[in-house]
N, C-alpha and C. Protein backbone atom coordinates (compact mmCIF):
# COMPACT_ATOMS: atom_id res chain seq x y z
N UNK A 1 19.80 -9.51 -10.71
CA UNK A 1 20.48 -8.50 -11.21
C UNK A 1 21.36 -8.04 -10.04
N UNK A 2 22.66 -7.71 -10.26
CA UNK A 2 23.51 -7.34 -9.23
C UNK A 2 23.85 -5.88 -9.28
N UNK A 3 23.44 -5.17 -10.36
CA UNK A 3 23.62 -3.74 -10.54
C UNK A 3 22.56 -3.16 -11.41
N UNK A 4 22.38 -1.91 -10.97
CA UNK A 4 21.32 -1.08 -11.86
C UNK A 4 21.78 0.38 -11.76
N UNK A 5 21.64 1.02 -12.88
CA UNK A 5 22.15 2.40 -12.94
C UNK A 5 20.79 3.29 -13.19
N UNK A 6 20.88 4.51 -13.38
CA UNK A 6 19.91 5.48 -13.76
C UNK A 6 18.89 4.91 -14.89
N UNK A 7 19.57 4.46 -15.90
CA UNK A 7 18.77 3.95 -17.02
C UNK A 7 18.00 2.85 -16.73
N UNK A 8 18.50 1.84 -15.81
CA UNK A 8 17.76 0.70 -15.35
C UNK A 8 16.52 1.07 -14.56
N UNK A 9 16.89 1.97 -13.63
CA UNK A 9 15.81 2.68 -12.74
C UNK A 9 14.66 3.21 -13.60
N UNK A 10 14.92 3.85 -14.70
CA UNK A 10 14.00 4.43 -15.48
C UNK A 10 13.19 3.35 -16.21
N UNK A 11 13.84 2.36 -16.68
CA UNK A 11 13.21 1.14 -17.29
C UNK A 11 12.20 0.56 -16.36
N UNK A 12 12.54 0.41 -15.16
CA UNK A 12 11.76 -0.17 -14.06
C UNK A 12 10.52 0.74 -13.94
N UNK A 13 10.72 1.87 -13.78
CA UNK A 13 9.57 2.82 -13.52
C UNK A 13 8.60 2.69 -14.74
N UNK A 14 9.16 2.65 -15.86
CA UNK A 14 8.53 2.64 -17.21
C UNK A 14 7.73 1.42 -17.32
N UNK A 15 8.29 0.25 -16.91
CA UNK A 15 7.58 -1.10 -16.94
C UNK A 15 6.50 -1.09 -15.91
N UNK A 16 6.56 -0.54 -14.62
CA UNK A 16 5.77 -0.30 -13.63
C UNK A 16 4.54 0.52 -14.01
N UNK A 17 4.64 1.56 -14.72
CA UNK A 17 3.72 2.47 -15.25
C UNK A 17 2.94 1.67 -16.33
N UNK A 18 3.56 1.15 -17.20
CA UNK A 18 2.86 0.33 -18.34
C UNK A 18 2.05 -0.71 -17.70
N UNK A 19 2.45 -1.36 -16.62
CA UNK A 19 1.74 -2.55 -16.23
C UNK A 19 0.53 -2.06 -15.34
N UNK A 20 0.69 -0.98 -14.60
CA UNK A 20 -0.31 -0.40 -13.80
C UNK A 20 -1.44 0.31 -14.80
N UNK A 21 -0.93 0.78 -15.84
CA UNK A 21 -2.05 1.45 -16.87
C UNK A 21 -2.84 0.42 -17.56
N UNK A 22 -2.22 -0.83 -17.83
CA UNK A 22 -3.01 -1.95 -18.52
C UNK A 22 -3.52 -2.87 -17.35
N UNK A 23 -3.81 -2.52 -16.03
CA UNK A 23 -4.35 -3.23 -14.99
C UNK A 23 -3.54 -4.40 -14.43
N UNK A 24 -2.26 -4.29 -14.70
CA UNK A 24 -1.31 -5.34 -14.20
C UNK A 24 -0.49 -4.98 -13.04
N UNK A 25 0.30 -5.79 -12.56
CA UNK A 25 1.18 -5.65 -11.53
C UNK A 25 2.56 -5.94 -11.79
N UNK A 26 3.76 -5.37 -11.15
CA UNK A 26 5.05 -5.73 -11.32
C UNK A 26 5.70 -5.93 -10.04
N UNK A 27 6.09 -7.03 -9.88
CA UNK A 27 6.66 -7.48 -8.68
C UNK A 27 8.24 -7.67 -8.75
N UNK A 28 9.04 -7.11 -7.91
CA UNK A 28 10.39 -7.39 -7.87
C UNK A 28 10.82 -8.49 -6.79
N UNK A 29 11.74 -9.23 -7.21
CA UNK A 29 12.18 -10.46 -6.37
C UNK A 29 13.60 -10.60 -6.07
N UNK A 30 14.00 -11.07 -4.95
CA UNK A 30 15.39 -11.53 -4.59
C UNK A 30 16.41 -10.32 -4.99
N UNK A 31 16.06 -9.18 -4.48
CA UNK A 31 16.98 -8.03 -4.61
C UNK A 31 18.21 -8.16 -3.93
N UNK A 32 19.29 -7.90 -4.70
CA UNK A 32 20.59 -7.76 -3.91
C UNK A 32 20.65 -6.72 -2.96
N UNK A 33 21.55 -6.58 -2.09
CA UNK A 33 21.77 -5.62 -1.08
C UNK A 33 21.94 -4.25 -1.77
N UNK A 34 22.71 -4.09 -2.82
CA UNK A 34 23.00 -2.99 -3.55
C UNK A 34 21.76 -2.40 -4.21
N UNK A 35 21.08 -3.17 -4.94
CA UNK A 35 19.84 -2.68 -5.50
C UNK A 35 18.73 -2.38 -4.44
N UNK A 36 18.59 -3.13 -3.46
CA UNK A 36 17.73 -2.82 -2.41
C UNK A 36 18.14 -1.38 -1.82
N UNK A 37 19.32 -1.18 -1.58
CA UNK A 37 19.80 0.03 -1.09
C UNK A 37 19.57 1.28 -1.95
N UNK A 38 19.83 1.11 -3.25
CA UNK A 38 19.43 2.08 -4.18
C UNK A 38 17.91 2.26 -4.32
N UNK A 39 17.12 1.34 -4.06
CA UNK A 39 15.65 1.57 -4.11
C UNK A 39 15.15 2.41 -2.94
N UNK A 40 15.84 2.02 -1.82
CA UNK A 40 15.54 2.79 -0.62
C UNK A 40 16.03 4.29 -0.71
N UNK A 41 17.27 4.54 -1.21
CA UNK A 41 17.62 5.79 -1.33
C UNK A 41 16.79 6.75 -2.22
N UNK A 42 16.44 6.17 -3.27
CA UNK A 42 15.58 6.88 -4.27
C UNK A 42 13.95 6.86 -3.96
N UNK A 43 13.72 6.18 -2.84
CA UNK A 43 12.35 6.04 -2.25
C UNK A 43 11.45 5.25 -3.13
N UNK A 44 11.98 4.61 -4.14
CA UNK A 44 11.24 3.63 -4.98
C UNK A 44 10.96 2.39 -4.42
N UNK A 45 11.54 2.02 -3.20
CA UNK A 45 11.13 0.75 -2.45
C UNK A 45 9.70 0.90 -2.05
N UNK A 46 9.09 2.07 -1.85
CA UNK A 46 7.75 2.11 -1.41
C UNK A 46 6.77 2.12 -2.58
N UNK A 47 7.22 2.23 -3.80
CA UNK A 47 6.48 2.31 -4.89
C UNK A 47 6.36 0.82 -5.50
N UNK A 48 7.51 -0.06 -5.62
CA UNK A 48 7.48 -1.37 -6.09
C UNK A 48 7.12 -2.30 -4.92
N UNK A 49 6.37 -3.44 -5.44
CA UNK A 49 5.97 -4.42 -4.61
C UNK A 49 7.24 -5.50 -4.48
N UNK A 50 7.98 -5.38 -3.50
CA UNK A 50 9.11 -6.24 -3.42
C UNK A 50 9.06 -7.37 -2.58
N UNK A 51 9.30 -8.68 -3.08
CA UNK A 51 9.21 -9.81 -2.36
C UNK A 51 10.47 -10.45 -2.22
N UNK A 52 10.51 -11.37 -1.16
CA UNK A 52 11.82 -12.06 -0.94
C UNK A 52 12.22 -13.07 -1.86
N UNK A 53 11.09 -13.82 -2.39
CA UNK A 53 11.34 -14.88 -3.31
C UNK A 53 10.13 -15.11 -4.11
N UNK A 54 10.36 -16.14 -5.23
CA UNK A 54 9.34 -16.26 -6.22
C UNK A 54 7.97 -16.72 -5.63
N UNK A 55 8.12 -17.57 -4.68
CA UNK A 55 6.78 -18.17 -4.07
C UNK A 55 5.98 -17.10 -3.36
N UNK A 56 6.65 -16.12 -2.78
CA UNK A 56 5.97 -15.00 -2.03
C UNK A 56 5.48 -14.12 -3.12
N UNK A 57 6.08 -13.90 -4.20
CA UNK A 57 5.77 -13.10 -5.40
C UNK A 57 4.44 -13.65 -6.07
N UNK A 58 4.50 -14.93 -6.36
CA UNK A 58 3.30 -15.46 -6.92
C UNK A 58 1.95 -15.47 -6.02
N UNK A 59 2.39 -15.83 -4.72
CA UNK A 59 1.24 -15.83 -3.73
C UNK A 59 0.50 -14.45 -3.74
N UNK A 60 1.40 -13.45 -3.88
CA UNK A 60 0.99 -12.08 -3.74
C UNK A 60 -0.01 -11.58 -4.80
N UNK A 61 0.05 -12.34 -5.97
CA UNK A 61 -0.78 -11.97 -7.12
C UNK A 61 -2.33 -12.31 -6.70
N UNK A 62 -2.38 -13.28 -5.78
CA UNK A 62 -3.80 -13.89 -5.57
C UNK A 62 -4.66 -13.03 -4.68
N UNK A 63 -4.06 -12.11 -4.09
CA UNK A 63 -4.54 -11.03 -3.00
C UNK A 63 -5.63 -10.18 -3.84
């Protein structure tokens, strides 16, 4: 994804909350600089588990 607005951020937070409430995890992969910067500004980068690529994301589920 190249762009995200406040509605998209709300959906990500909602998906994260739903996953956590059901015992799951949500990983974000391959963020663009704009999306990465937005998550940093909103301090959501510390909430989400952000991985550089799919292999790292898949590996992190095994922990």
